[in-house]
């Protein structure tokens, strides 16, 4: 009987924590997605108007950009701010 009670308690606690974690994870992923879409929009707008300062803020110092057959471009040599 004690084993049965322990099993029921363990199962209840396990299900409770498992369900609540998934909901929080879903809410967090929604806010992360919104933040990512806003960042992409900001980058695209800066690119359209040639706002090199904003573009540079999105690019890491170690970034190397390649495009087809062209030579690799580093942040320092490729972005003229």
N, C-alpha and C. Protein backbone atom coordinates (compact mmCIF):
# COMPACT_ATOMS: atom_id res chain seq x y z
N UNK A 1 0.82 -1.19 0.00
CA UNK A 1 0.00 0.00 0.00
C UNK A 1 0.87 1.26 0.00
N UNK A 2 1.97 1.24 0.81
CA UNK A 2 2.85 2.40 0.85
C UNK A 2 3.49 2.62 -0.51
N UNK A 3 3.84 1.55 -1.19
CA UNK A 3 4.45 1.66 -2.52
C UNK A 3 3.47 2.30 -3.50
N UNK A 4 2.22 1.93 -3.40
CA UNK A 4 1.20 2.49 -4.28
C UNK A 4 1.04 3.99 -4.03
N UNK A 5 1.01 4.42 -2.75
CA UNK A 5 0.90 5.84 -2.42
C UNK A 5 2.10 6.61 -2.96
N UNK A 6 3.28 6.05 -2.77
CA UNK A 6 4.50 6.72 -3.26
C UNK A 6 4.47 6.85 -4.78
N UNK A 7 4.02 5.82 -5.44
CA UNK A 7 3.94 5.84 -6.88
C UNK A 7 2.94 6.91 -7.36
N UNK A 8 1.81 7.01 -6.70
CA UNK A 8 0.81 8.02 -7.06
C UNK A 8 1.37 9.43 -6.81
N UNK A 9 2.02 9.64 -5.70
CA UNK A 9 2.59 10.96 -5.38
C UNK A 9 3.69 11.30 -6.39
N UNK A 10 4.56 10.36 -6.66
CA UNK A 10 5.64 10.60 -7.61
C UNK A 10 5.07 10.93 -8.99
N UNK A 11 4.09 10.17 -9.43
CA UNK A 11 3.48 10.40 -10.75
C UNK A 11 2.83 11.77 -10.82
N UNK A 12 2.13 12.17 -9.77
CA UNK A 12 1.46 13.47 -9.74
C UNK A 12 2.48 14.60 -9.81
N UNK A 13 3.53 14.52 -9.02
CA UNK A 13 4.57 15.55 -9.02
C UNK A 13 5.25 15.59 -10.38
N UNK A 14 5.56 14.44 -10.95
CA UNK A 14 6.22 14.38 -12.25
C UNK A 14 5.37 15.04 -13.34
N UNK A 15 4.10 14.70 -13.38
CA UNK A 15 3.20 15.27 -14.39
C UNK A 15 3.05 16.77 -14.18
N UNK A 16 2.92 17.21 -12.95
CA UNK A 16 2.76 18.64 -12.66
C UNK A 16 3.96 19.44 -13.17
N UNK A 17 5.16 19.01 -12.82
CA UNK A 17 6.35 19.75 -13.24
C UNK A 17 6.58 19.65 -14.75
N UNK A 18 6.28 18.52 -15.32
CA UNK A 18 6.47 18.34 -16.75
C UNK A 18 5.52 19.24 -17.54
N UNK A 19 4.28 19.34 -17.15
CA UNK A 19 3.31 20.18 -17.85
C UNK A 19 3.63 21.66 -17.68
N UNK A 20 3.96 22.08 -16.50
CA UNK A 20 4.23 23.50 -16.27
C UNK A 20 5.49 23.95 -17.00
N UNK A 21 6.49 23.09 -17.14
CA UNK A 21 7.72 23.43 -17.85
C UNK A 21 7.45 23.66 -19.34
N UNK A 22 6.63 22.82 -19.94
CA UNK A 22 6.35 22.96 -21.37
C UNK A 22 5.65 24.29 -21.66
N UNK A 23 4.74 24.68 -20.82
CA UNK A 23 4.02 25.94 -21.03
C UNK A 23 4.97 27.12 -20.96
N UNK A 24 5.86 27.13 -19.99
CA UNK A 24 6.83 28.21 -19.84
C UNK A 24 7.76 28.23 -21.05
N UNK A 25 8.21 27.08 -21.48
CA UNK A 25 9.10 27.00 -22.62
C UNK A 25 8.41 27.56 -23.87
N UNK A 26 7.13 27.25 -24.05
CA UNK A 26 6.38 27.74 -25.20
C UNK A 26 6.26 29.27 -25.16
N UNK A 27 5.98 29.81 -23.99
CA UNK A 27 5.87 31.26 -23.85
C UNK A 27 7.20 31.93 -24.13
N UNK A 28 8.29 31.36 -23.64
CA UNK A 28 9.62 31.92 -23.86
C UNK A 28 9.97 31.88 -25.34
N UNK A 29 9.66 30.80 -26.02
CA UNK A 29 10.00 30.70 -27.44
C UNK A 29 9.21 31.70 -28.25
N UNK A 30 8.00 32.02 -27.84
CA UNK A 30 7.21 33.04 -28.53
C UNK A 30 7.83 34.42 -28.40
N UNK A 31 8.33 34.75 -27.20
CA UNK A 31 8.96 36.06 -27.01
C UNK A 31 10.31 36.12 -27.72
N UNK A 32 11.03 35.01 -27.77
CA UNK A 32 12.31 34.96 -28.48
C UNK A 32 12.07 35.14 -29.98
N UNK A 33 11.02 34.50 -30.49
CA UNK A 33 10.70 34.63 -31.91
C UNK A 33 10.36 36.08 -32.24
N UNK A 34 9.57 36.73 -31.39
CA UNK A 34 9.20 38.12 -31.62
C UNK A 34 10.45 39.01 -31.61
N UNK A 35 11.33 38.79 -30.65
CA UNK A 35 12.57 39.57 -30.56
C UNK A 35 13.45 39.35 -31.80
N UNK A 36 13.52 38.12 -32.27
CA UNK A 36 14.31 37.81 -33.45
C UNK A 36 13.73 38.50 -34.69
N UNK A 37 12.42 38.45 -34.86
CA UNK A 37 11.80 39.09 -36.00
C UNK A 37 12.00 40.61 -35.98
N UNK A 38 11.96 41.20 -34.80
CA UNK A 38 12.22 42.64 -34.67
C UNK A 38 13.66 42.98 -35.05
N UNK A 39 14.60 42.13 -34.63
CA UNK A 39 16.01 42.36 -34.96
C UNK A 39 16.24 42.23 -36.46
N UNK A 40 15.62 41.24 -37.08
CA UNK A 40 15.75 41.07 -38.53
C UNK A 40 15.18 42.27 -39.26
N UNK A 41 14.04 42.76 -38.81
CA UNK A 41 13.41 43.93 -39.42
C UNK A 41 14.31 45.17 -39.28
N UNK A 42 14.90 45.35 -38.11
CA UNK A 42 15.81 46.48 -37.89
C UNK A 42 17.01 46.39 -38.82
N UNK A 43 17.59 45.19 -38.94
CA UNK A 43 18.74 44.99 -39.83
C UNK A 43 18.36 45.28 -41.28
N UNK A 44 17.22 44.75 -41.72
CA UNK A 44 16.80 44.95 -43.11
C UNK A 44 16.56 46.42 -43.42
N UNK A 45 15.94 47.14 -42.51
CA UNK A 45 15.71 48.58 -42.72
C UNK A 45 17.03 49.33 -42.78
N UNK A 46 17.96 48.99 -41.91
CA UNK A 46 19.28 49.64 -41.92
C UNK A 46 20.00 49.34 -43.23
N UNK A 47 19.88 48.13 -43.72
CA UNK A 47 20.51 47.75 -44.98
C UNK A 47 19.92 48.55 -46.14
N UNK A 48 18.59 48.71 -46.14
CA UNK A 48 17.92 49.44 -47.22
C UNK A 48 18.37 50.89 -47.31
N UNK A 49 18.59 51.52 -46.17
CA UNK A 49 18.95 52.95 -46.19
C UNK A 49 20.46 53.17 -46.07
N UNK A 50 21.22 52.10 -45.94
CA UNK A 50 22.67 52.21 -45.84
C UNK A 50 23.16 52.71 -44.50
N UNK A 51 22.45 52.38 -43.44
CA UNK A 51 22.84 52.78 -42.08
C UNK A 51 23.94 51.84 -41.59
N UNK A 52 25.18 52.16 -41.94
CA UNK A 52 26.30 51.27 -41.65
C UNK A 52 26.57 51.11 -40.15
N UNK A 53 26.26 52.13 -39.38
CA UNK A 53 26.47 52.03 -37.93
C UNK A 53 25.57 50.96 -37.32
N UNK A 54 24.30 50.92 -37.74
CA UNK A 54 23.37 49.90 -37.24
C UNK A 54 23.77 48.52 -37.75
N UNK A 55 24.12 48.44 -39.01
CA UNK A 55 24.54 47.15 -39.58
C UNK A 55 25.76 46.63 -38.83
N UNK A 56 26.72 47.49 -38.57
CA UNK A 56 27.94 47.09 -37.85
C UNK A 56 27.62 46.57 -36.46
N UNK A 57 26.57 47.10 -35.84
CA UNK A 57 26.21 46.64 -34.49
C UNK A 57 25.67 45.21 -34.51
N UNK A 58 25.23 44.73 -35.66
CA UNK A 58 24.72 43.37 -35.79
C UNK A 58 25.80 42.37 -36.18
N UNK A 59 26.94 42.86 -36.64
CA UNK A 59 27.99 41.99 -37.16
C UNK A 59 29.12 41.87 -36.15
N UNK A 60 29.52 40.64 -35.85
CA UNK A 60 30.61 40.41 -34.92
C UNK A 60 31.93 40.80 -35.56
N UNK A 61 32.90 41.14 -34.75
CA UNK A 61 34.22 41.52 -35.25
C UNK A 61 34.89 40.37 -36.01
N UNK A 62 34.56 39.15 -35.67
CA UNK A 62 35.18 37.98 -36.32
C UNK A 62 34.39 37.49 -37.53
N UNK A 63 33.35 38.23 -37.91
CA UNK A 63 32.50 37.83 -39.04
C UNK A 63 33.27 37.83 -40.35
N UNK A 64 33.07 36.79 -41.15
CA UNK A 64 33.62 36.71 -42.50
C UNK A 64 32.45 36.41 -43.43
N UNK A 65 32.25 37.29 -44.42
CA UNK A 65 31.13 37.14 -45.35
C UNK A 65 31.66 36.67 -46.70
N UNK A 66 31.03 35.66 -47.25
CA UNK A 66 31.39 35.20 -48.59
C UNK A 66 30.14 35.22 -49.46
N UNK A 67 30.34 35.50 -50.74
CA UNK A 67 29.23 35.58 -51.66
C UNK A 67 29.67 35.02 -53.01
N UNK A 68 29.29 33.80 -53.28
CA UNK A 68 29.63 33.18 -54.55
C UNK A 68 31.12 33.07 -54.77
N UNK A 69 31.59 33.64 -55.87
CA UNK A 69 33.00 33.55 -56.26
C UNK A 69 33.83 34.70 -55.71
N UNK A 70 33.21 35.66 -55.04
CA UNK A 70 33.95 36.83 -54.60
C UNK A 70 34.83 36.52 -53.39
N UNK A 71 35.77 37.41 -53.18
CA UNK A 71 36.72 37.28 -52.08
C UNK A 71 35.98 37.43 -50.73
N UNK A 72 36.46 36.75 -49.70
CA UNK A 72 35.87 36.86 -48.36
C UNK A 72 36.04 38.28 -47.83
N UNK A 73 35.01 38.79 -47.17
CA UNK A 73 35.02 40.15 -46.64
C UNK A 73 34.93 40.07 -45.11
N UNK A 74 35.84 40.73 -44.43
CA UNK A 74 35.81 40.80 -42.98
C UNK A 74 35.12 42.09 -42.55
N UNK A 75 34.68 42.15 -41.31
CA UNK A 75 33.96 43.33 -40.83
C UNK A 75 34.79 44.59 -41.00
N UNK A 76 36.05 44.57 -40.59
CA UNK A 76 36.89 45.77 -40.65
C UNK A 76 37.08 46.27 -42.07
N UNK A 77 37.24 45.36 -43.02
CA UNK A 77 37.50 45.79 -44.39
C UNK A 77 36.23 45.93 -45.22
N UNK A 78 35.16 45.29 -44.80
CA UNK A 78 33.94 45.30 -45.61
C UNK A 78 32.92 46.36 -45.24
N UNK A 79 32.89 46.76 -43.99
CA UNK A 79 31.93 47.79 -43.55
C UNK A 79 32.66 49.11 -43.38
N UNK A 80 32.22 50.08 -44.07
CA UNK A 80 32.84 51.40 -43.99
C UNK A 80 31.89 52.31 -43.23
N UNK A 81 32.17 52.48 -41.93
CA UNK A 81 31.29 53.29 -41.08
C UNK A 81 31.83 54.69 -40.92
